[in-house]
Amino acid sequence: MQYRHYKGGLYELVCEATLEADLTPMIIYRAHDGSIWARPKAVFFELIEVEGLMVPRFAPVS
């Protein structure tokens, strides 16, 4: 599934994983240039404030 970062980039959610050190749920995702990134699931799906509005950090693209 694809997601758009609030700054505009498109990313593909690759899978969910678990961080071994403390069992934090993680999201593994790929940028359009092929680079792979990891972010805590709670951070990936959180709402953030942008210009006074609450928006998703990553919004699903339909």
N, C-alpha and C. Protein backbone atom coordinates (compact mmCIF):
# COMPACT_ATOMS: atom_id res chain seq x y z
N MET A 1 0.85 -1.18 0.00
CA MET A 1 0.00 0.00 0.00
C MET A 1 0.89 1.24 0.00
N GLN A 2 0.46 2.27 -0.73
CA GLN A 2 1.24 3.50 -0.79
C GLN A 2 0.72 4.55 0.18
N TYR A 3 1.67 5.35 0.67
CA TYR A 3 1.36 6.44 1.59
C TYR A 3 2.08 7.69 1.11
N ARG A 4 1.46 8.85 1.33
CA ARG A 4 2.09 10.12 1.01
C ARG A 4 2.50 10.80 2.31
N HIS A 5 3.78 11.15 2.41
CA HIS A 5 4.29 11.87 3.57
C HIS A 5 3.74 13.29 3.53
N TYR A 6 3.55 13.90 4.67
CA TYR A 6 2.96 15.24 4.72
C TYR A 6 3.79 16.27 3.94
N LYS A 7 5.07 15.97 3.70
CA LYS A 7 5.90 16.87 2.91
C LYS A 7 5.83 16.56 1.41
N GLY A 8 5.10 15.48 1.06
CA GLY A 8 4.83 15.21 -0.34
C GLY A 8 5.37 13.94 -0.94
N GLY A 9 6.35 13.30 -0.33
CA GLY A 9 6.94 12.10 -0.92
C GLY A 9 6.01 10.90 -0.86
N LEU A 10 6.14 10.00 -1.85
CA LEU A 10 5.37 8.76 -1.87
C LEU A 10 6.22 7.61 -1.35
N TYR A 11 5.60 6.76 -0.55
CA TYR A 11 6.29 5.63 0.06
C TYR A 11 5.41 4.40 0.01
N GLU A 12 6.04 3.24 -0.11
CA GLU A 12 5.33 1.97 -0.08
C GLU A 12 5.58 1.28 1.25
N LEU A 13 4.52 0.93 1.95
CA LEU A 13 4.66 0.18 3.19
C LEU A 13 5.07 -1.25 2.81
N VAL A 14 6.22 -1.67 3.28
CA VAL A 14 6.76 -2.99 2.94
C VAL A 14 6.24 -4.04 3.91
N CYS A 15 6.36 -3.77 5.21
CA CYS A 15 5.90 -4.73 6.21
C CYS A 15 5.94 -4.11 7.59
N GLU A 16 5.37 -4.81 8.54
CA GLU A 16 5.51 -4.45 9.95
C GLU A 16 6.57 -5.38 10.54
N ALA A 17 7.32 -4.86 11.49
CA ALA A 17 8.37 -5.63 12.14
C ALA A 17 8.36 -5.30 13.62
N THR A 18 9.18 -6.03 14.39
CA THR A 18 9.31 -5.78 15.82
C THR A 18 10.77 -5.50 16.13
N LEU A 19 11.01 -4.38 16.80
CA LEU A 19 12.37 -4.03 17.21
C LEU A 19 12.79 -4.98 18.33
N GLU A 20 13.87 -5.68 18.13
CA GLU A 20 14.31 -6.71 19.08
C GLU A 20 14.61 -6.15 20.46
N ALA A 21 15.20 -4.98 20.54
CA ALA A 21 15.67 -4.43 21.81
C ALA A 21 14.56 -4.23 22.83
N ASP A 22 13.40 -3.73 22.36
CA ASP A 22 12.33 -3.44 23.33
C ASP A 22 10.93 -3.82 22.83
N LEU A 23 10.88 -4.59 21.72
CA LEU A 23 9.64 -5.09 21.14
C LEU A 23 8.72 -4.00 20.59
N THR A 24 9.30 -2.85 20.23
CA THR A 24 8.53 -1.77 19.63
C THR A 24 8.03 -2.19 18.24
N PRO A 25 6.74 -2.06 17.97
CA PRO A 25 6.24 -2.33 16.61
C PRO A 25 6.81 -1.28 15.66
N MET A 26 7.33 -1.73 14.53
CA MET A 26 7.98 -0.85 13.55
C MET A 26 7.29 -0.99 12.19
N ILE A 27 7.37 0.06 11.40
CA ILE A 27 6.92 0.03 10.01
C ILE A 27 8.17 0.12 9.13
N ILE A 28 8.27 -0.78 8.18
CA ILE A 28 9.35 -0.77 7.21
C ILE A 28 8.74 -0.26 5.91
N TYR A 29 9.36 0.78 5.33
CA TYR A 29 8.77 1.36 4.12
C TYR A 29 9.86 1.77 3.14
N ARG A 30 9.47 1.85 1.85
CA ARG A 30 10.40 2.09 0.76
C ARG A 30 10.05 3.40 0.07
N ALA A 31 11.06 4.23 -0.17
CA ALA A 31 10.89 5.48 -0.90
C ALA A 31 10.92 5.19 -2.40
N HIS A 32 10.49 6.16 -3.20
CA HIS A 32 10.47 5.99 -4.65
C HIS A 32 11.86 5.75 -5.24
N ASP A 33 12.91 6.17 -4.54
CA ASP A 33 14.28 5.95 -5.03
C ASP A 33 14.84 4.59 -4.62
N GLY A 34 14.01 3.77 -3.95
CA GLY A 34 14.41 2.43 -3.55
C GLY A 34 15.01 2.33 -2.15
N SER A 35 15.26 3.47 -1.50
CA SER A 35 15.83 3.41 -0.14
C SER A 35 14.78 2.86 0.83
N ILE A 36 15.26 2.11 1.81
CA ILE A 36 14.40 1.46 2.80
C ILE A 36 14.53 2.21 4.12
N TRP A 37 13.40 2.44 4.76
CA TRP A 37 13.35 3.18 6.02
C TRP A 37 12.56 2.40 7.06
N ALA A 38 12.82 2.69 8.33
CA ALA A 38 12.07 2.09 9.44
C ALA A 38 11.70 3.21 10.41
N ARG A 39 10.50 3.09 10.95
CA ARG A 39 10.00 4.10 11.89
C ARG A 39 9.06 3.39 12.85
N PRO A 40 9.03 3.77 14.11
CA PRO A 40 8.05 3.16 15.02
C PRO A 40 6.63 3.32 14.46
N LYS A 41 5.84 2.28 14.58
CA LYS A 41 4.47 2.30 14.05
C LYS A 41 3.67 3.48 14.59
N ALA A 42 3.82 3.76 15.87
CA ALA A 42 3.08 4.88 16.48
C ALA A 42 3.45 6.21 15.85
N VAL A 43 4.72 6.37 15.47
CA VAL A 43 5.17 7.61 14.84
C VAL A 43 4.70 7.66 13.38
N PHE A 44 4.80 6.54 12.68
CA PHE A 44 4.38 6.49 11.27
C PHE A 44 2.92 6.93 11.12
N PHE A 45 2.06 6.46 12.01
CA PHE A 45 0.62 6.72 11.90
C PHE A 45 0.13 7.90 12.74
N GLU A 46 1.02 8.64 13.39
CA GLU A 46 0.56 9.72 14.26
C GLU A 46 0.11 10.95 13.48
N LEU A 47 -0.70 11.77 14.15
CA LEU A 47 -1.08 13.07 13.62
C LEU A 47 -0.06 14.09 14.09
N ILE A 48 0.29 15.00 13.19
CA ILE A 48 1.24 16.05 13.54
C ILE A 48 0.63 17.40 13.16
N GLU A 49 1.12 18.45 13.78
CA GLU A 49 0.61 19.78 13.49
C GLU A 49 1.44 20.42 12.38
N VAL A 50 0.74 20.84 11.32
CA VAL A 50 1.36 21.52 10.18
C VAL A 50 0.56 22.78 9.90
N GLU A 51 1.17 23.92 10.07
CA GLU A 51 0.52 25.21 9.83
C GLU A 51 -0.81 25.32 10.59
N GLY A 52 -0.81 24.85 11.83
CA GLY A 52 -1.97 24.96 12.69
C GLY A 52 -3.02 23.88 12.51
N LEU A 53 -2.82 22.96 11.57
CA LEU A 53 -3.77 21.87 11.34
C LEU A 53 -3.14 20.54 11.73
N MET A 54 -3.96 19.63 12.23
CA MET A 54 -3.50 18.28 12.54
C MET A 54 -3.68 17.41 11.30
N VAL A 55 -2.57 16.85 10.82
CA VAL A 55 -2.59 16.01 9.62
C VAL A 55 -1.82 14.73 9.90
N PRO A 56 -2.14 13.65 9.18
CA PRO A 56 -1.36 12.42 9.36
C PRO A 56 0.05 12.61 8.81
N ARG A 57 1.03 12.06 9.52
CA ARG A 57 2.42 12.10 9.02
C ARG A 57 2.49 11.40 7.66
N PHE A 58 1.84 10.24 7.56
CA PHE A 58 1.73 9.49 6.30
C PHE A 58 0.24 9.21 6.08
N ALA A 59 -0.28 9.63 4.92
CA ALA A 59 -1.69 9.41 4.60
C ALA A 59 -1.79 8.37 3.49
N PRO A 60 -2.71 7.41 3.61
CA PRO A 60 -2.85 6.40 2.56
C PRO A 60 -3.26 7.06 1.23
N VAL A 61 -2.72 6.51 0.15
CA VAL A 61 -3.07 6.97 -1.19
C VAL A 61 -3.99 5.93 -1.81
N SER A 62 -5.16 6.38 -2.25
CA SER A 62 -6.12 5.41 -2.82
C SER A 62 -5.98 5.27 -4.30
